[in-house]
């Protein structure tokens, strides 16, 4: 199932391409921070950035390919990222996820 039946305008295709390159670059930089982060909260924030960028990349790819499946994938990834961020933040601050 496609998102739109019309073709994507050329300026939107360029914006999507630039967005994909920027989101991919930021994801790589955040990956470096996950590997070399000095503290655990730095690594957690970098993982959250990676999760957010993966959602953005899935949405931009859905716009590029006009496939609605990637919108559903991005929504599920956003929900999983939110829940995991809350769980890790609770573990870092209180030392336990479920009391």
N, C-alpha and C. Protein backbone atom coordinates (compact mmCIF):
# COMPACT_ATOMS: atom_id res chain seq x y z
N UNK A 1 0.85 -1.17 0.00
CA UNK A 1 0.00 0.00 0.00
C UNK A 1 0.89 1.23 0.00
N UNK A 2 0.63 2.15 -0.88
CA UNK A 2 1.45 3.34 -0.96
C UNK A 2 0.80 4.49 -0.22
N UNK A 3 1.62 5.46 0.21
CA UNK A 3 1.15 6.62 0.95
C UNK A 3 0.42 7.57 0.02
N UNK A 4 0.98 7.86 -1.14
CA UNK A 4 0.39 8.80 -2.07
C UNK A 4 0.47 8.21 -3.47
N UNK A 5 -0.49 8.55 -4.27
CA UNK A 5 -0.48 8.02 -5.63
C UNK A 5 0.28 8.93 -6.58
N UNK A 6 0.47 10.21 -6.20
CA UNK A 6 1.19 11.14 -7.05
C UNK A 6 2.69 10.98 -6.83
N UNK A 7 3.47 11.42 -7.81
CA UNK A 7 4.91 11.36 -7.65
C UNK A 7 5.37 12.47 -6.71
N UNK A 8 6.49 12.24 -6.08
CA UNK A 8 7.04 13.18 -5.11
C UNK A 8 7.74 14.30 -5.87
N UNK A 9 7.47 15.60 -5.54
CA UNK A 9 8.15 16.70 -6.23
C UNK A 9 9.66 16.64 -6.03
N UNK A 10 10.40 17.25 -6.95
CA UNK A 10 11.86 17.16 -6.94
C UNK A 10 12.45 17.84 -5.71
N UNK A 11 11.87 18.98 -5.28
CA UNK A 11 12.43 19.65 -4.10
C UNK A 11 12.22 18.81 -2.84
N UNK A 12 11.11 18.07 -2.79
CA UNK A 12 10.89 17.19 -1.64
C UNK A 12 11.84 16.00 -1.69
N UNK A 13 12.15 15.52 -2.88
CA UNK A 13 13.12 14.42 -2.98
C UNK A 13 14.49 14.86 -2.48
N UNK A 14 14.89 16.09 -2.81
CA UNK A 14 16.18 16.60 -2.32
C UNK A 14 16.16 16.78 -0.81
N UNK A 15 15.04 17.28 -0.28
CA UNK A 15 14.93 17.46 1.17
C UNK A 15 14.99 16.12 1.89
N UNK A 16 14.34 15.11 1.32
CA UNK A 16 14.38 13.78 1.92
C UNK A 16 15.79 13.22 1.87
N UNK A 17 16.49 13.41 0.76
CA UNK A 17 17.86 12.91 0.63
C UNK A 17 18.79 13.59 1.63
N UNK A 18 18.67 14.91 1.77
CA UNK A 18 19.50 15.64 2.73
C UNK A 18 19.17 15.18 4.15
N UNK A 19 17.89 15.00 4.43
CA UNK A 19 17.49 14.52 5.75
C UNK A 19 18.04 13.14 6.05
N UNK A 20 18.04 12.26 5.05
CA UNK A 20 18.60 10.92 5.26
C UNK A 20 20.10 10.98 5.54
N UNK A 21 20.81 11.83 4.81
CA UNK A 21 22.26 11.95 5.01
C UNK A 21 22.56 12.53 6.39
N UNK A 22 21.83 13.56 6.79
CA UNK A 22 22.07 14.19 8.09
C UNK A 22 21.73 13.21 9.22
N UNK A 23 20.59 12.55 9.13
CA UNK A 23 20.20 11.61 10.18
C UNK A 23 21.17 10.45 10.27
N UNK A 24 21.65 9.98 9.14
CA UNK A 24 22.63 8.88 9.16
C UNK A 24 23.96 9.33 9.77
N UNK A 25 24.39 10.55 9.44
CA UNK A 25 25.64 11.07 10.00
C UNK A 25 25.55 11.24 11.51
N UNK A 26 24.44 11.79 11.97
CA UNK A 26 24.26 11.98 13.41
C UNK A 26 24.20 10.63 14.12
N UNK A 27 23.62 9.64 13.47
CA UNK A 27 23.57 8.30 14.06
C UNK A 27 24.97 7.72 14.22
N UNK A 28 25.82 7.93 13.23
CA UNK A 28 27.20 7.45 13.33
C UNK A 28 27.96 8.16 14.45
N UNK A 29 27.77 9.46 14.58
CA UNK A 29 28.43 10.21 15.66
C UNK A 29 27.92 9.74 17.03
N UNK A 30 26.62 9.49 17.13
CA UNK A 30 26.07 8.98 18.39
C UNK A 30 26.59 7.58 18.68
N UNK A 31 26.81 6.79 17.64
CA UNK A 31 27.40 5.46 17.84
C UNK A 31 28.80 5.55 18.42
N UNK A 32 29.56 6.55 17.95
CA UNK A 32 30.89 6.77 18.53
C UNK A 32 30.78 7.12 20.00
N UNK A 33 29.77 7.94 20.36
CA UNK A 33 29.58 8.32 21.76
C UNK A 33 29.17 7.12 22.61
N UNK A 34 28.41 6.22 22.04
CA UNK A 34 28.01 5.01 22.78
C UNK A 34 29.25 4.17 23.09
N UNK A 35 30.17 4.08 22.13
CA UNK A 35 31.35 3.25 22.33
C UNK A 35 32.34 3.90 23.30
N UNK A 36 32.57 5.20 23.16
CA UNK A 36 33.61 5.87 23.95
C UNK A 36 33.07 6.78 25.03
N UNK A 37 31.76 6.75 25.28
CA UNK A 37 31.19 7.67 26.26
C UNK A 37 31.86 7.54 27.62
N UNK A 38 32.14 8.65 28.27
CA UNK A 38 32.84 8.54 29.55
C UNK A 38 31.95 8.02 30.67
N UNK A 39 30.66 8.29 30.62
CA UNK A 39 29.79 7.83 31.71
C UNK A 39 28.59 7.08 31.13
N UNK A 40 27.89 6.38 32.01
CA UNK A 40 26.71 5.63 31.59
C UNK A 40 25.58 6.54 31.09
N UNK A 41 25.29 7.66 31.77
CA UNK A 41 24.24 8.54 31.22
C UNK A 41 24.57 9.08 29.83
N UNK A 42 25.84 9.33 29.53
CA UNK A 42 26.22 9.75 28.18
C UNK A 42 25.86 8.68 27.16
N UNK A 43 26.15 7.45 27.50
CA UNK A 43 25.83 6.34 26.59
C UNK A 43 24.32 6.17 26.42
N UNK A 44 23.57 6.35 27.51
CA UNK A 44 22.11 6.22 27.43
C UNK A 44 21.52 7.30 26.53
N UNK A 45 22.00 8.53 26.68
CA UNK A 45 21.52 9.63 25.83
C UNK A 45 21.88 9.36 24.37
N UNK A 46 23.08 8.84 24.13
CA UNK A 46 23.49 8.54 22.76
C UNK A 46 22.62 7.43 22.16
N UNK A 47 22.27 6.43 22.96
CA UNK A 47 21.37 5.38 22.47
C UNK A 47 19.99 5.94 22.16
N UNK A 48 19.52 6.89 22.98
CA UNK A 48 18.24 7.52 22.71
C UNK A 48 18.29 8.33 21.42
N UNK A 49 19.39 9.00 21.17
CA UNK A 49 19.57 9.74 19.92
C UNK A 49 19.55 8.79 18.72
N UNK A 50 20.22 7.65 18.87
CA UNK A 50 20.22 6.68 17.78
C UNK A 50 18.80 6.17 17.51
N UNK A 51 18.05 5.89 18.57
CA UNK A 51 16.67 5.43 18.39
C UNK A 51 15.81 6.46 17.70
N UNK A 52 15.96 7.72 18.09
CA UNK A 52 15.19 8.79 17.46
C UNK A 52 15.57 8.95 15.99
N UNK A 53 16.86 8.84 15.69
CA UNK A 53 17.30 8.97 14.30
C UNK A 53 16.85 7.79 13.45
N UNK A 54 16.79 6.62 14.01
CA UNK A 54 16.29 5.47 13.25
C UNK A 54 14.81 5.67 12.91
N UNK A 55 14.06 6.24 13.84
CA UNK A 55 12.65 6.55 13.56
C UNK A 55 12.57 7.58 12.42
N UNK A 56 13.42 8.61 12.49
CA UNK A 56 13.43 9.64 11.44
C UNK A 56 13.82 9.04 10.09
N UNK A 57 14.81 8.16 10.09
CA UNK A 57 15.24 7.52 8.83
C UNK A 57 14.11 6.67 8.27
N UNK A 58 13.39 5.94 9.12
CA UNK A 58 12.27 5.12 8.64
C UNK A 58 11.17 5.99 8.05
N UNK A 59 10.89 7.12 8.68
CA UNK A 59 9.86 8.02 8.14
C UNK A 59 10.31 8.64 6.82
N UNK A 60 11.55 9.06 6.74
CA UNK A 60 12.04 9.64 5.49
C UNK A 60 12.06 8.58 4.38
N UNK A 61 12.40 7.36 4.72
CA UNK A 61 12.38 6.29 3.73
C UNK A 61 10.95 6.00 3.28
N UNK A 62 9.99 6.12 4.21
CA UNK A 62 8.57 5.95 3.83
C UNK A 62 8.15 7.03 2.86
N UNK A 63 8.61 8.26 3.07
CA UNK A 63 8.29 9.34 2.14
C UNK A 63 8.95 9.10 0.79
N UNK A 64 10.18 8.62 0.79
CA UNK A 64 10.91 8.41 -0.45
C UNK A 64 10.29 7.29 -1.29
N UNK A 65 9.91 6.20 -0.63
CA UNK A 65 9.40 5.04 -1.36
C UNK A 65 7.89 5.01 -1.45
N UNK A 66 7.21 5.92 -0.75
CA UNK A 66 5.74 5.98 -0.65
C UNK A 66 5.15 4.65 -0.19
N UNK A 67 5.83 4.00 0.73
CA UNK A 67 5.34 2.76 1.33
C UNK A 67 4.86 3.04 2.75
N UNK A 68 3.61 2.71 3.05
CA UNK A 68 3.03 2.99 4.36
C UNK A 68 3.56 2.05 5.44
N UNK A 69 4.15 0.95 5.05
CA UNK A 69 4.66 -0.01 6.03
C UNK A 69 5.72 0.61 6.93
N UNK A 70 6.56 1.48 6.36
CA UNK A 70 7.65 2.07 7.14
C UNK A 70 7.13 3.07 8.17
N UNK A 71 5.94 3.62 7.97
CA UNK A 71 5.33 4.49 8.98
C UNK A 71 4.95 3.65 10.20
N UNK A 72 4.37 2.50 9.96
CA UNK A 72 4.03 1.60 11.07
C UNK A 72 5.29 1.15 11.81
N UNK A 73 6.33 0.85 11.05
CA UNK A 73 7.60 0.43 11.66
C UNK A 73 8.16 1.56 12.52
N UNK A 74 8.09 2.79 12.04
CA UNK A 74 8.63 3.91 12.80
C UNK A 74 7.82 4.16 14.07
N UNK A 75 6.51 3.98 14.00
CA UNK A 75 5.69 4.15 15.21
C UNK A 75 6.04 3.10 16.27
N UNK A 76 6.23 1.87 15.85
CA UNK A 76 6.60 0.80 16.80
C UNK A 76 7.98 1.08 17.38
N UNK A 77 8.91 1.52 16.54
CA UNK A 77 10.26 1.85 17.04
C UNK A 77 10.21 3.01 18.02
N UNK A 78 9.36 3.99 17.78
CA UNK A 78 9.25 5.12 18.70
C UNK A 78 8.69 4.68 20.05
N UNK A 79 7.71 3.80 20.02
CA UNK A 79 7.14 3.30 21.29
C UNK A 79 8.18 2.50 22.06
N UNK A 80 8.89 1.61 21.37
CA UNK A 80 9.92 0.81 22.04
C UNK A 80 11.03 1.70 22.58
N UNK A 81 11.42 2.71 21.82
CA UNK A 81 12.46 3.63 22.28
C UNK A 81 12.04 4.40 23.49
N UNK A 82 10.78 4.85 23.53
CA UNK A 82 10.28 5.58 24.69
C UNK A 82 10.28 4.71 25.94
N UNK A 83 9.76 3.50 25.82
CA UNK A 83 9.69 2.60 26.97
C UNK A 83 11.09 2.23 27.45
N UNK A 84 12.00 1.97 26.53
CA UNK A 84 13.36 1.60 26.95
C UNK A 84 14.09 2.78 27.58
N UNK A 85 13.84 3.99 27.10
CA UNK A 85 14.47 5.16 27.72
C UNK A 85 13.97 5.35 29.14
N UNK A 86 12.68 5.19 29.35
CA UNK A 86 12.12 5.32 30.70
C UNK A 86 12.69 4.25 31.61
N UNK A 87 12.80 3.02 31.12
CA UNK A 87 13.33 1.93 31.95
C UNK A 87 14.79 2.16 32.32
N UNK A 88 15.59 2.58 31.35
CA UNK A 88 17.02 2.81 31.64
C UNK A 88 17.20 4.02 32.56
N UNK A 89 16.42 5.06 32.36
CA UNK A 89 16.52 6.24 33.24
C UNK A 89 16.14 5.88 34.67
N UNK A 90 15.13 5.05 34.82
CA UNK A 90 14.72 4.64 36.15
C UNK A 90 15.80 3.75 36.80
N UNK A 91 16.42 2.90 35.98
CA UNK A 91 17.47 2.04 36.51
C UNK A 91 18.69 2.87 36.93
N UNK A 92 19.03 3.88 36.13
CA UNK A 92 20.21 4.70 36.46
C UNK A 92 19.95 5.53 37.70
N UNK A 93 18.74 6.08 37.84
CA UNK A 93 18.49 6.97 38.98
C UNK A 93 18.17 6.22 40.26
N UNK A 94 17.44 5.09 40.17
CA UNK A 94 16.99 4.41 41.37
C UNK A 94 17.61 3.04 41.57
N UNK A 95 18.29 2.51 40.56
CA UNK A 95 18.95 1.22 40.70
C UNK A 95 18.04 0.04 40.49
N UNK A 96 16.75 0.28 40.21
CA UNK A 96 15.80 -0.79 39.98
C UNK A 96 14.71 -0.30 39.04
N UNK A 97 14.23 -1.18 38.16
CA UNK A 97 13.20 -0.76 37.20
C UNK A 97 11.82 -0.91 37.82
N UNK A 98 11.57 -2.05 38.46
CA UNK A 98 10.25 -2.31 39.06
C UNK A 98 10.44 -2.47 40.56
N UNK A 99 9.69 -1.70 41.33
CA UNK A 99 9.79 -1.79 42.79
C UNK A 99 8.84 -2.82 43.33
